[in-house]
N, C-alpha and C. Protein backbone atom coordinates (compact mmCIF):
# COMPACT_ATOMS: atom_id res chain seq x y z
N MET A 1 0.79 -1.34 0.08
CA MET A 1 0.14 0.05 0.04
C MET A 1 0.82 1.26 0.09
N TYR A 2 0.55 2.32 -0.60
CA TYR A 2 1.05 3.31 -0.53
C TYR A 2 0.04 4.67 0.02
N SER A 3 0.51 5.37 1.19
CA SER A 3 -0.48 6.10 1.52
C SER A 3 -0.11 7.40 2.02
N GLY A 4 -0.57 8.58 1.84
CA GLY A 4 -0.12 10.00 2.02
C GLY A 4 -1.00 10.99 1.96
N ALA A 5 -0.45 12.16 2.28
CA ALA A 5 -1.53 13.26 2.38
C ALA A 5 -0.56 14.45 1.59
N GLN A 6 -1.10 15.24 0.69
CA GLN A 6 -0.61 16.67 0.34
C GLN A 6 -1.22 17.76 1.39
N VAL A 7 -0.58 18.47 1.95
CA VAL A 7 -1.25 19.32 2.97
C VAL A 7 -0.58 20.82 2.89
N ALA A 8 -1.51 21.82 2.84
CA ALA A 8 -1.25 23.07 2.72
C ALA A 8 -2.30 23.66 4.11
N LEU A 9 -1.26 24.78 4.61
CA LEU A 9 -1.75 25.26 5.85
C LEU A 9 -1.87 26.71 5.45
N TYR A 10 -3.02 27.38 5.99
CA TYR A 10 -3.34 28.92 5.44
C TYR A 10 -3.38 29.59 6.92
N PRO A 11 -2.43 30.26 7.39
CA PRO A 11 -2.79 30.97 8.47
C PRO A 11 -3.21 32.53 7.81
N MET A 12 -4.47 33.02 8.49
CA MET A 12 -4.75 34.69 8.10
C MET A 12 -4.01 35.45 8.88
N SER A 13 -2.90 35.78 8.84
CA SER A 13 -2.08 36.75 9.88
C SER A 13 -1.02 37.23 9.05
N ASP A 14 -0.51 38.23 9.45
CA ASP A 14 0.53 39.08 9.01
C ASP A 14 1.92 38.13 9.26
N ASP A 15 1.71 37.21 10.41
CA ASP A 15 2.90 36.47 10.91
C ASP A 15 2.81 35.07 10.28
N PHE A 16 2.08 34.76 9.01
CA PHE A 16 2.03 33.66 8.62
C PHE A 16 3.25 32.58 8.41
N VAL A 17 4.43 33.35 8.29
CA VAL A 17 5.71 32.49 8.39
C VAL A 17 6.17 31.80 9.71
N GLY A 18 5.56 32.70 10.78
CA GLY A 18 6.00 32.22 11.99
C GLY A 18 5.18 31.23 12.51
N VAL A 19 3.87 31.66 12.27
CA VAL A 19 2.66 30.67 12.65
C VAL A 19 3.19 29.07 12.01
N ILE A 20 3.20 29.23 10.64
CA ILE A 20 3.54 28.02 10.13
C ILE A 20 4.65 27.17 10.52
N LEU A 21 5.91 28.04 10.61
CA LEU A 21 7.10 27.25 11.08
C LEU A 21 6.85 26.65 12.78
N GLY A 22 6.33 27.72 13.54
CA GLY A 22 6.22 27.16 14.86
C GLY A 22 5.33 25.88 14.67
N ALA A 23 3.87 26.04 13.85
CA ALA A 23 3.33 24.68 14.17
C ALA A 23 3.84 23.54 13.64
N LEU A 24 4.83 23.68 12.84
CA LEU A 24 5.52 22.36 12.58
C LEU A 24 6.46 21.38 13.18
N SER A 25 6.66 22.11 14.39
CA SER A 25 7.17 21.24 15.29
C SER A 25 5.99 20.21 16.19
N ALA A 26 4.52 20.31 15.92
CA ALA A 26 3.96 19.51 16.15
C ALA A 26 3.93 18.19 15.32
N LEU A 27 4.77 18.31 14.32
CA LEU A 27 4.98 16.85 13.39
C LEU A 27 5.96 16.20 14.11
N ASP A 28 7.12 16.71 14.71
CA ASP A 28 8.04 15.94 15.36
C ASP A 28 7.92 14.71 15.93
N PRO A 29 6.94 14.30 16.80
CA PRO A 29 6.65 13.11 17.45
C PRO A 29 6.45 11.88 16.07
N TYR A 30 6.01 12.56 14.69
CA TYR A 30 5.66 11.63 13.96
C TYR A 30 6.95 11.41 12.86
N ARG A 31 7.70 12.35 12.79
CA ARG A 31 8.89 12.32 11.74
C ARG A 31 9.61 10.78 11.73
N PRO A 32 9.54 10.08 12.78
CA PRO A 32 10.24 8.75 12.56
C PRO A 32 9.70 7.75 11.78
N LYS A 33 8.17 8.06 11.78
CA LYS A 33 7.33 7.38 11.03
C LYS A 33 6.81 7.26 9.87
N PHE A 34 7.42 8.83 9.31
CA PHE A 34 6.88 9.47 8.03
C PHE A 34 8.13 9.81 6.96
N GLN A 35 7.79 9.91 5.78
CA GLN A 35 8.70 10.84 5.09
C GLN A 35 7.90 11.95 4.66
N ILE A 36 8.68 13.15 4.93
CA ILE A 36 7.99 14.03 4.66
C ILE A 36 8.91 15.35 3.69
N GLU A 37 7.97 15.92 2.96
CA GLU A 37 8.84 16.56 1.86
C GLU A 37 7.74 17.94 1.43
N THR A 38 8.56 19.00 1.73
CA THR A 38 8.06 20.37 1.59
C THR A 38 8.52 21.28 0.39
N ASP A 39 7.61 21.81 -0.36
CA ASP A 39 7.71 22.78 -1.32
C ASP A 39 7.15 24.08 -1.21
N ASP A 40 6.88 24.99 -2.48
CA ASP A 40 6.41 26.05 -2.02
C ASP A 40 4.83 26.24 -2.32
N LEU A 41 4.50 24.86 -2.49
CA LEU A 41 2.85 24.75 -2.53
C LEU A 41 2.29 23.84 -1.47
N SER A 42 2.74 23.10 -1.07
CA SER A 42 2.33 21.94 0.07
C SER A 42 3.45 21.12 0.73
N THR A 43 2.94 20.33 1.62
CA THR A 43 3.96 19.54 2.42
C THR A 43 3.34 18.23 2.04
N LEU A 44 4.31 17.02 1.48
CA LEU A 44 3.86 15.87 1.17
C LEU A 44 3.95 14.87 2.72
N ILE A 45 3.23 14.35 3.33
CA ILE A 45 3.61 13.15 4.19
C ILE A 45 2.96 11.92 3.76
N VAL A 46 3.95 10.97 3.84
CA VAL A 46 3.96 9.66 3.51
C VAL A 46 4.10 8.99 4.69
N GLY A 47 3.24 7.98 4.73
CA GLY A 47 3.54 6.84 6.08
C GLY A 47 2.25 6.15 6.31
N PRO A 48 2.29 5.34 7.66
CA PRO A 48 1.03 4.64 7.82
C PRO A 48 -0.28 5.33 7.99
N PRO A 49 -1.41 4.89 7.12
CA PRO A 49 -2.69 5.55 7.21
C PRO A 49 -3.34 6.32 8.50
N GLU A 50 -3.06 5.33 9.43
CA GLU A 50 -3.76 5.58 10.65
C GLU A 50 -3.08 6.86 11.44
N LEU A 51 -1.85 7.25 10.70
CA LEU A 51 -1.07 8.25 11.57
C LEU A 51 -1.15 9.54 10.68
N LEU A 52 -1.78 9.47 9.21
CA LEU A 52 -2.18 10.56 8.65
C LEU A 52 -2.89 11.89 9.51
N PHE A 53 -4.29 11.47 9.90
CA PHE A 53 -5.10 12.57 10.54
C PHE A 53 -4.54 12.69 11.67
N PRO A 54 -3.99 12.04 12.85
CA PRO A 54 -3.68 12.61 14.23
C PRO A 54 -2.34 13.66 13.73
N ALA A 55 -1.58 13.61 12.69
CA ALA A 55 -0.55 14.41 12.36
C ALA A 55 -0.87 15.61 12.07
N MET A 56 -1.89 15.72 11.11
CA MET A 56 -2.59 16.72 10.62
C MET A 56 -3.53 17.43 11.33
N ARG A 57 -4.13 16.77 12.60
CA ARG A 57 -4.60 17.23 13.66
C ARG A 57 -4.01 18.08 14.71
N ASP A 58 -2.54 17.69 14.73
CA ASP A 58 -1.77 18.41 15.70
C ASP A 58 -1.16 19.54 14.90
N LEU A 59 -0.94 19.27 13.77
CA LEU A 59 -0.51 20.79 13.06
C LEU A 59 -1.22 21.65 13.10
N PHE A 60 -2.76 21.46 12.62
CA PHE A 60 -3.71 22.28 12.67
C PHE A 60 -3.89 22.87 14.03
N VAL A 61 -3.95 22.00 14.93
CA VAL A 61 -4.62 22.73 16.57
C VAL A 61 -3.47 23.48 16.76
N ALA A 62 -2.19 23.21 16.47
CA ALA A 62 -0.76 23.98 16.83
C ALA A 62 -0.78 25.39 16.19
N ALA A 63 -1.34 25.49 14.96
CA ALA A 63 -1.21 26.54 13.96
C ALA A 63 -2.50 27.51 14.74
N SER A 64 -3.59 27.16 15.07
CA SER A 64 -4.85 27.70 15.09
C SER A 64 -4.99 28.25 16.72
N SER A 65 -4.10 27.46 17.31
CA SER A 65 -4.47 27.77 18.91
C SER A 65 -4.25 29.29 19.64
N GLY A 66 -3.86 29.87 18.55
CA GLY A 66 -3.48 31.41 19.22
C GLY A 66 -4.62 32.23 18.67
N GLY A 67 -5.68 31.87 18.04
CA GLY A 67 -6.88 32.41 17.94
C GLY A 67 -7.02 33.04 16.62
N ILE A 68 -6.30 32.92 15.84
CA ILE A 68 -6.10 33.67 14.42
C ILE A 68 -7.00 32.75 13.37
N HIS A 69 -7.52 33.27 12.42
CA HIS A 69 -8.18 32.40 11.36
C HIS A 69 -7.11 31.39 10.47
N CYS A 70 -7.60 30.24 10.57
CA CYS A 70 -6.49 29.29 10.02
C CYS A 70 -7.29 28.33 9.13
N VAL A 71 -7.01 28.09 7.87
CA VAL A 71 -7.38 26.94 7.34
C VAL A 71 -6.44 25.67 6.85
N LEU A 72 -6.85 24.51 6.98
CA LEU A 72 -5.99 23.59 6.29
C LEU A 72 -6.69 22.78 5.01
N SER A 73 -5.82 22.63 3.98
CA SER A 73 -6.44 22.04 3.06
C SER A 73 -5.42 20.99 2.55
N ALA A 74 -6.21 19.58 2.29
CA ALA A 74 -5.50 18.73 2.14
C ALA A 74 -5.98 17.51 1.07
N THR A 75 -5.56 16.83 0.35
CA THR A 75 -5.67 15.73 -0.34
C THR A 75 -5.18 14.60 -0.07
N VAL A 76 -5.84 13.42 0.45
CA VAL A 76 -5.34 12.01 1.13
C VAL A 76 -5.38 11.17 0.39
N SER A 77 -4.72 10.25 0.08
CA SER A 77 -4.86 8.94 -0.71
C SER A 77 -4.11 7.97 -0.10
N ARG A 78 -4.89 6.58 -0.28
CA ARG A 78 -4.44 5.37 -0.04
C ARG A 78 -4.43 4.29 -0.99
N GLY A 79 -3.72 3.52 -1.38
CA GLY A 79 -3.67 2.45 -2.32
C GLY A 79 -3.57 2.77 -3.86
N CYS A 80 -3.04 4.04 -3.73
CA CYS A 80 -2.60 4.55 -5.55
C CYS A 80 -2.19 3.41 -6.07
N PRO A 81 -2.70 3.13 -7.45
CA PRO A 81 -2.14 2.16 -8.17
C PRO A 81 -0.62 2.79 -8.85
N GLY A 82 -0.84 4.12 -8.60
CA GLY A 82 0.34 4.83 -9.46
C GLY A 82 1.59 5.04 -8.82
N HIS A 83 1.60 4.39 -7.62
CA HIS A 83 2.51 4.36 -6.65
C HIS A 83 2.99 3.01 -6.33
N PRO A 84 4.28 2.60 -6.30
CA PRO A 84 4.46 1.22 -5.64
C PRO A 84 4.32 1.48 -4.08
N ASP A 85 4.35 -0.08 -3.74
CA ASP A 85 3.94 -0.24 -2.20
C ASP A 85 5.33 0.11 -1.44
N ASP A 86 4.97 0.68 -0.34
CA ASP A 86 6.31 1.49 0.34
C ASP A 86 6.04 0.95 1.94
N ASP A 87 7.05 0.23 2.30
CA ASP A 87 7.23 -0.26 3.70
C ASP A 87 6.66 1.08 5.13
N ILE A 88 7.06 1.92 4.32
CA ILE A 88 6.80 3.04 5.44
C ILE A 88 5.54 3.13 5.82
N CYS A 89 4.37 2.87 4.45
CA CYS A 89 3.09 2.96 4.77
C CYS A 89 2.19 1.66 5.24
N THR A 90 3.24 0.89 5.97
CA THR A 90 2.43 -0.26 6.08
C THR A 90 1.70 -0.01 7.45
N PRO A 91 0.28 -0.25 7.12
CA PRO A 91 -0.75 0.10 8.13
C PRO A 91 -0.54 -0.82 9.55
N LEU A 92 -0.94 -0.12 10.55
CA LEU A 92 -0.89 -0.39 12.15
C LEU A 92 -1.75 -1.58 12.16
N GLY A 93 -2.93 -1.65 11.56
CA GLY A 93 -3.98 -2.69 11.82
C GLY A 93 -4.55 -2.55 10.37
N SER A 94 -5.93 -3.35 10.53
CA SER A 94 -6.71 -3.60 9.45
C SER A 94 -7.18 -2.26 8.79
N VAL A 95 -7.20 -1.95 7.56
CA VAL A 95 -7.75 -1.07 7.10
C VAL A 95 -8.78 -1.50 5.81
N GLY A 96 -9.74 -0.45 5.51
CA GLY A 96 -10.56 -0.80 4.66
C GLY A 96 -11.72 -1.96 4.87
N SER A 97 -12.16 -2.16 3.69
CA SER A 97 -13.60 -2.77 4.03
C SER A 97 -13.52 -4.50 4.15
N VAL A 98 -12.87 -4.62 5.26
CA VAL A 98 -12.42 -5.94 5.27
C VAL A 98 -13.47 -6.77 6.28
N SER A 99 -14.32 -6.16 6.68
CA SER A 99 -15.34 -6.59 7.66
C SER A 99 -16.78 -5.99 7.21
N PRO A 100 -17.90 -6.56 7.57
CA PRO A 100 -19.13 -6.14 6.89
C PRO A 100 -19.50 -4.85 7.61
N LEU A 101 -20.09 -4.07 6.70
CA LEU A 101 -20.58 -2.68 7.03
C LEU A 101 -20.85 -2.41 8.11
N PRO A 102 -21.90 -3.17 8.76
CA PRO A 102 -22.39 -2.70 9.84
C PRO A 102 -21.28 -2.69 11.33
N GLU A 103 -20.57 -3.76 11.22
CA GLU A 103 -19.61 -3.88 12.21
C GLU A 103 -18.46 -2.66 11.86
N ARG A 104 -18.24 -2.22 10.72
CA ARG A 104 -17.29 -1.15 10.51
C ARG A 104 -18.08 0.37 11.09
N ILE A 105 -19.15 0.44 10.62
CA ILE A 105 -19.84 1.69 11.48
C ILE A 105 -19.99 1.71 12.81
N ILE A 106 -19.86 0.62 13.73
CA ILE A 106 -19.97 0.56 15.01
C ILE A 106 -18.59 0.72 15.28
N SER A 107 -17.56 0.15 14.87
CA SER A 107 -16.21 0.51 15.29
C SER A 107 -15.62 1.87 14.97
N ALA A 108 -16.11 2.43 13.94
CA ALA A 108 -16.00 3.82 13.49
C ALA A 108 -16.52 4.76 14.61
N LYS A 109 -17.89 4.49 15.27
CA LYS A 109 -18.40 5.47 15.98
C LYS A 109 -17.69 5.51 17.37
N GLN A 110 -17.20 4.15 17.78
CA GLN A 110 -16.44 3.85 19.00
C GLN A 110 -15.18 4.69 18.98
N ALA A 111 -14.65 4.48 17.53
CA ALA A 111 -13.08 5.47 17.55
C ALA A 111 -13.31 6.68 17.94
N VAL A 112 -14.32 7.47 17.41
CA VAL A 112 -14.42 8.87 17.39
C VAL A 112 -15.18 9.20 18.90
N ALA A 113 -15.86 8.43 19.41
CA ALA A 113 -16.29 8.50 20.84
C ALA A 113 -15.01 8.36 21.80
N GLU A 114 -14.19 7.90 21.34
CA GLU A 114 -12.84 7.64 22.34
C GLU A 114 -12.10 9.03 22.01
N ALA A 115 -12.07 9.98 21.09
CA ALA A 115 -10.99 10.59 20.42
C ALA A 115 -10.78 11.55 21.76
N ALA A 116 -9.71 12.09 21.93
CA ALA A 116 -9.23 13.20 22.91
C ALA A 116 -9.97 14.47 22.35
N VAL A 117 -10.20 15.28 23.43
CA VAL A 117 -10.89 16.71 23.02
C VAL A 117 -9.40 17.56 23.23
N THR A 118 -9.38 18.35 22.27
CA THR A 118 -8.35 19.38 21.99
C THR A 118 -8.60 20.89 22.52
N GLY A 119 -10.05 21.05 22.54
CA GLY A 119 -10.21 22.47 23.20
C GLY A 119 -10.29 23.22 21.88
N GLN A 120 -10.09 22.88 20.54
CA GLN A 120 -10.17 23.74 19.70
C GLN A 120 -11.47 23.25 18.68
N ASP A 121 -12.48 24.39 18.70
CA ASP A 121 -13.60 24.22 17.80
C ASP A 121 -13.09 24.63 16.17
N VAL A 122 -13.67 23.67 15.26
CA VAL A 122 -13.33 23.61 13.90
C VAL A 122 -14.67 23.14 12.98
N ALA A 123 -14.40 23.84 11.94
CA ALA A 123 -15.49 23.41 10.53
C ALA A 123 -14.63 22.73 9.35
N ALA A 124 -15.47 21.74 9.00
CA ALA A 124 -14.66 20.88 8.18
C ALA A 124 -15.60 20.75 6.97
N HIS A 125 -15.19 20.23 5.84
CA HIS A 125 -16.05 19.88 4.79
C HIS A 125 -15.12 18.91 3.78
N PHE A 126 -15.78 17.96 3.58
CA PHE A 126 -14.94 16.91 2.75
C PHE A 126 -15.65 15.70 1.66
N SER A 127 -14.87 15.36 0.81
CA SER A 127 -15.63 14.43 0.04
C SER A 127 -14.91 13.08 -0.28
N LEU A 128 -15.20 12.02 0.06
CA LEU A 128 -14.42 10.96 0.10
C LEU A 128 -14.80 10.15 -1.31
N TYR A 129 -13.74 9.77 -1.82
CA TYR A 129 -13.76 8.92 -3.44
C TYR A 129 -13.35 7.53 -3.48
N PRO A 130 -14.09 6.63 -3.20
CA PRO A 130 -13.74 5.12 -3.63
C PRO A 130 -13.20 5.00 -5.30
N LEU A 131 -12.25 4.48 -5.32
CA LEU A 131 -11.92 4.33 -6.71
C LEU A 131 -11.59 2.88 -7.18
N GLY A 132 -11.78 2.69 -8.56
CA GLY A 132 -11.46 1.22 -8.97
C GLY A 132 -13.09 0.49 -8.96
N GLU A 133 -12.78 -0.72 -9.19
CA GLU A 133 -14.21 -1.66 -9.21
C GLU A 133 -15.01 -1.98 -7.73
N GLY A 134 -16.11 -2.12 -7.57
CA GLY A 134 -16.88 -2.36 -6.57
C GLY A 134 -18.08 -1.62 -6.40
N GLN A 135 -18.72 -1.79 -5.25
CA GLN A 135 -19.95 -1.32 -5.17
C GLN A 135 -19.86 -0.11 -3.92
N HIS A 136 -19.41 1.10 -4.69
CA HIS A 136 -19.13 2.31 -4.15
C HIS A 136 -20.06 2.63 -3.77
N MET A 137 -21.46 2.83 -4.06
CA MET A 137 -22.65 3.58 -3.47
C MET A 137 -22.95 2.77 -2.12
N ASP A 138 -22.65 1.47 -2.01
CA ASP A 138 -22.95 0.97 -0.72
C ASP A 138 -21.95 1.51 0.36
N GLU A 139 -20.81 1.47 -0.01
CA GLU A 139 -19.64 2.01 0.98
C GLU A 139 -20.17 3.69 1.27
N ILE A 140 -20.37 4.28 0.13
CA ILE A 140 -20.55 5.79 0.64
C ILE A 140 -21.90 6.03 1.50
N TYR A 141 -22.81 5.24 1.09
CA TYR A 141 -24.25 5.40 1.98
C TYR A 141 -23.89 5.03 3.56
N GLY A 142 -22.90 3.69 3.48
CA GLY A 142 -22.57 3.20 5.03
C GLY A 142 -21.58 4.23 5.73
N CYS A 143 -20.76 4.99 4.93
CA CYS A 143 -20.22 6.08 5.55
C CYS A 143 -21.10 7.29 6.24
N ILE A 144 -22.33 7.66 5.29
CA ILE A 144 -22.92 8.77 5.40
C ILE A 144 -23.92 8.06 6.87
N ASP A 145 -23.97 7.05 6.88
CA ASP A 145 -24.84 6.46 7.93
C ASP A 145 -23.87 6.71 9.36
N PHE A 146 -22.69 6.47 9.28
CA PHE A 146 -21.77 6.36 10.32
C PHE A 146 -21.70 7.99 10.43
N LEU A 147 -21.42 9.28 9.57
CA LEU A 147 -20.96 10.39 9.76
C LEU A 147 -22.42 10.75 10.72
N LYS A 148 -23.66 10.34 10.08
CA LYS A 148 -24.91 11.08 10.91
C LYS A 148 -24.87 10.80 12.34
N GLU A 149 -24.25 9.62 13.00
CA GLU A 149 -24.33 9.12 14.42
C GLU A 149 -22.83 9.52 14.93
N SER A 150 -22.02 10.26 14.36
CA SER A 150 -20.83 10.67 14.65
C SER A 150 -20.38 11.70 15.95
N GLY A 151 -21.49 12.40 16.03
CA GLY A 151 -21.41 13.65 16.97
C GLY A 151 -21.00 14.82 16.42
N VAL A 152 -20.55 14.86 15.60
CA VAL A 152 -19.94 15.86 14.59
C VAL A 152 -20.38 16.45 13.11
N PHE A 153 -21.27 15.89 13.06
CA PHE A 153 -22.19 15.77 11.42
C PHE A 153 -23.18 17.13 11.71
N ASP A 154 -22.68 17.96 10.64
CA ASP A 154 -23.48 19.22 10.62
C ASP A 154 -24.32 19.10 9.56
N ARG A 155 -24.11 19.03 8.40
CA ARG A 155 -25.10 19.17 7.36
C ARG A 155 -24.42 18.46 5.89
N PRO A 156 -25.38 17.94 5.25
CA PRO A 156 -24.93 17.63 3.63
C PRO A 156 -24.50 19.01 2.82
N LYS A 157 -23.66 19.19 2.18
CA LYS A 157 -23.72 20.47 1.04
C LYS A 157 -23.35 19.60 -0.42
N ASN A 158 -23.64 20.37 -1.13
CA ASN A 158 -23.17 20.00 -2.52
C ASN A 158 -21.56 19.33 -2.65
N PHE A 159 -21.69 18.53 -3.32
CA PHE A 159 -20.28 17.69 -3.32
C PHE A 159 -19.76 17.41 -2.06
N CYS A 160 -20.21 17.54 -0.87
CA CYS A 160 -19.56 17.33 0.24
C CYS A 160 -20.28 16.85 1.31
N THR A 161 -19.70 17.10 2.53
CA THR A 161 -20.39 16.64 3.84
C THR A 161 -19.72 17.75 4.80
N LYS A 162 -20.42 18.41 5.55
CA LYS A 162 -19.76 19.55 6.65
C LYS A 162 -19.77 18.64 8.05
N LEU A 163 -18.89 18.77 8.75
CA LEU A 163 -18.53 18.46 9.96
C LEU A 163 -18.44 19.57 10.79
N ARG A 164 -18.76 20.00 12.15
CA ARG A 164 -18.28 20.91 12.99
C ARG A 164 -18.25 19.97 14.41
N GLY A 165 -17.12 20.76 15.36
CA GLY A 165 -17.05 20.18 16.60
C GLY A 165 -15.55 20.56 17.05
N ASP A 166 -15.19 19.87 18.16
CA ASP A 166 -13.89 19.81 18.68
C ASP A 166 -12.91 19.11 17.69
N ALA A 167 -11.64 19.45 17.57
CA ALA A 167 -10.51 19.17 16.50
C ALA A 167 -10.39 17.65 16.64
N GLY A 168 -10.68 16.95 18.01
CA GLY A 168 -10.26 15.63 18.14
C GLY A 168 -11.38 14.75 17.72
N PRO A 169 -12.76 14.86 18.03
CA PRO A 169 -13.63 14.16 17.48
C PRO A 169 -13.91 14.69 15.66
N VAL A 170 -13.38 15.64 15.21
CA VAL A 170 -13.95 15.88 14.01
C VAL A 170 -12.58 15.15 13.30
N PHE A 171 -11.33 15.38 13.40
CA PHE A 171 -9.96 14.54 12.60
C PHE A 171 -10.32 13.16 12.46
N ALA A 172 -10.97 12.57 14.11
CA ALA A 172 -11.18 10.99 14.29
C ALA A 172 -12.28 10.70 13.02
N THR A 173 -13.29 11.35 12.84
CA THR A 173 -14.26 11.00 12.39
C THR A 173 -13.70 11.12 10.67
N LEU A 174 -12.96 12.09 10.14
CA LEU A 174 -12.27 12.11 8.65
C LEU A 174 -11.45 10.96 8.74
N SER A 175 -10.42 10.56 9.51
CA SER A 175 -9.90 9.51 9.81
C SER A 175 -10.58 7.82 9.50
N GLU A 176 -11.72 7.79 10.37
CA GLU A 176 -12.48 6.56 10.60
C GLU A 176 -13.10 6.44 8.91
N ALA A 177 -13.55 7.70 8.47
CA ALA A 177 -14.24 7.47 7.26
C ALA A 177 -13.12 7.16 6.09
N PHE A 178 -11.88 7.67 6.06
CA PHE A 178 -10.99 7.27 5.34
C PHE A 178 -10.72 5.81 5.33
N LEU A 179 -10.25 5.27 6.58
CA LEU A 179 -9.65 4.17 6.87
C LEU A 179 -10.96 2.74 6.70
N ARG A 180 -11.91 3.09 6.95
CA ARG A 180 -12.91 1.80 7.00
C ARG A 180 -13.94 2.02 5.83
N PHE A 181 -14.08 2.72 4.93
CA PHE A 181 -15.11 2.51 3.78
C PHE A 181 -14.49 2.99 2.72
N GLY A 182 -15.05 2.34 1.68
CA GLY A 182 -14.49 2.76 0.24
C GLY A 182 -13.75 1.44 -0.49
N ALA A 183 -13.08 0.95 0.15
CA ALA A 183 -12.30 0.05 -0.82
C ALA A 183 -11.64 -0.95 0.48
N PRO A 184 -10.91 -2.13 -0.24
CA PRO A 184 -10.18 -3.28 0.94
C PRO A 184 -8.90 -2.46 0.86
N GLU A 185 -8.32 -2.94 1.93
CA GLU A 185 -7.00 -2.52 1.93
C GLU A 185 -5.92 -2.17 0.72
N GLU A 186 -6.19 -3.03 -0.24
CA GLU A 186 -5.45 -2.79 -1.51
C GLU A 186 -5.85 -1.73 -2.35
N GLY A 187 -7.09 -1.34 -2.01
CA GLY A 187 -8.16 -0.46 -2.97
C GLY A 187 -7.80 0.80 -2.81
N HIS A 188 -7.97 1.70 -3.91
CA HIS A 188 -7.74 3.11 -3.87
C HIS A 188 -8.79 3.95 -3.26
N VAL A 189 -8.51 4.75 -2.63
CA VAL A 189 -9.55 5.59 -1.72
C VAL A 189 -8.85 6.75 -1.67
N ALA A 190 -9.40 7.81 -2.20
CA ALA A 190 -8.91 9.51 -1.99
C ALA A 190 -10.11 9.93 -1.39
N MET A 191 -9.30 11.67 -0.29
CA MET A 191 -10.27 12.31 0.40
C MET A 191 -9.84 13.65 -0.08
N ASP A 192 -10.68 14.46 -0.40
CA ASP A 192 -10.42 15.87 -0.44
C ASP A 192 -11.06 16.55 0.74
N MET A 193 -10.30 17.61 1.54
CA MET A 193 -11.00 18.26 2.65
C MET A 193 -10.34 19.43 3.26
N LYS A 194 -11.20 20.28 3.55
CA LYS A 194 -10.82 21.64 3.96
C LYS A 194 -11.27 21.71 5.42
N ILE A 195 -10.40 22.36 6.35
CA ILE A 195 -10.63 22.45 7.78
C ILE A 195 -10.43 23.97 8.40
N SER A 196 -11.26 24.53 9.08
CA SER A 196 -11.13 25.87 9.33
C SER A 196 -11.34 26.08 10.82
N ALA A 197 -10.63 27.10 11.44
CA ALA A 197 -10.93 27.27 12.71
C ALA A 197 -10.97 29.10 12.87
N ASN A 198 -11.67 29.23 14.01
CA ASN A 198 -11.50 30.84 14.33
C ASN A 198 -12.07 31.76 13.13
N SER A 199 -12.87 31.34 12.42
CA SER A 199 -13.23 32.04 11.06
C SER A 199 -14.18 33.30 11.60
N PRO A 200 -13.87 34.26 11.28
CA PRO A 200 -14.77 35.64 11.51
C PRO A 200 -16.23 35.53 10.91
N SER A 201 -16.51 34.54 9.71
CA SER A 201 -17.39 34.29 9.36
C SER A 201 -18.43 33.72 10.53
N ARG A 202 -17.83 32.60 11.02
CA ARG A 202 -18.48 32.06 12.17
C ARG A 202 -19.18 32.93 13.27
N ALA A 203 -18.14 33.81 13.61
CA ALA A 203 -18.70 34.90 14.85
C ALA A 203 -19.49 35.69 14.11
N ALA A 204 -19.83 36.23 13.02
CA ALA A 204 -20.87 37.00 12.46
C ALA A 204 -22.18 36.43 12.65
């Protein structure tokens, strides 16, 4: 399996360079498990699929904890056939549709219920893309059933689903959607997501 995320962080601050560089230290505990490459557009994180969302959560909470409006944009992928398998991406446990859908929904809800609270309120929207052969709509509908019972479901939107709540459960919900739905471990699944914190639009 190959799994990773292209991540871009946008602090709405005159000191955006300082905010970004300061937040990058939140990735330090994950660096032994990841390959990390940064260019002038984004940071590529390659590693175990279960660690991608905790790493993005910690990066985003570190950047937004000072109260500034901050946005994280990411494209996440697992099982892309365009990349060779990489040992660094070896899952820490089972990934994908390896058990019946009702069991996966229960496991996903439990994982979100056990997620640590960070104290940072966020809004998110995301789209899940199961690729390749298979009953994609069954998986998508199962994921929607999970989302509606996740505790952070806000509403459906055109082409995406909106979540709102503490960053801990929100990122856990995104992770569970990515890990448990869409395709078996060797199948290709992609996710597009945007996370926002401290938005002035929300205050208005």
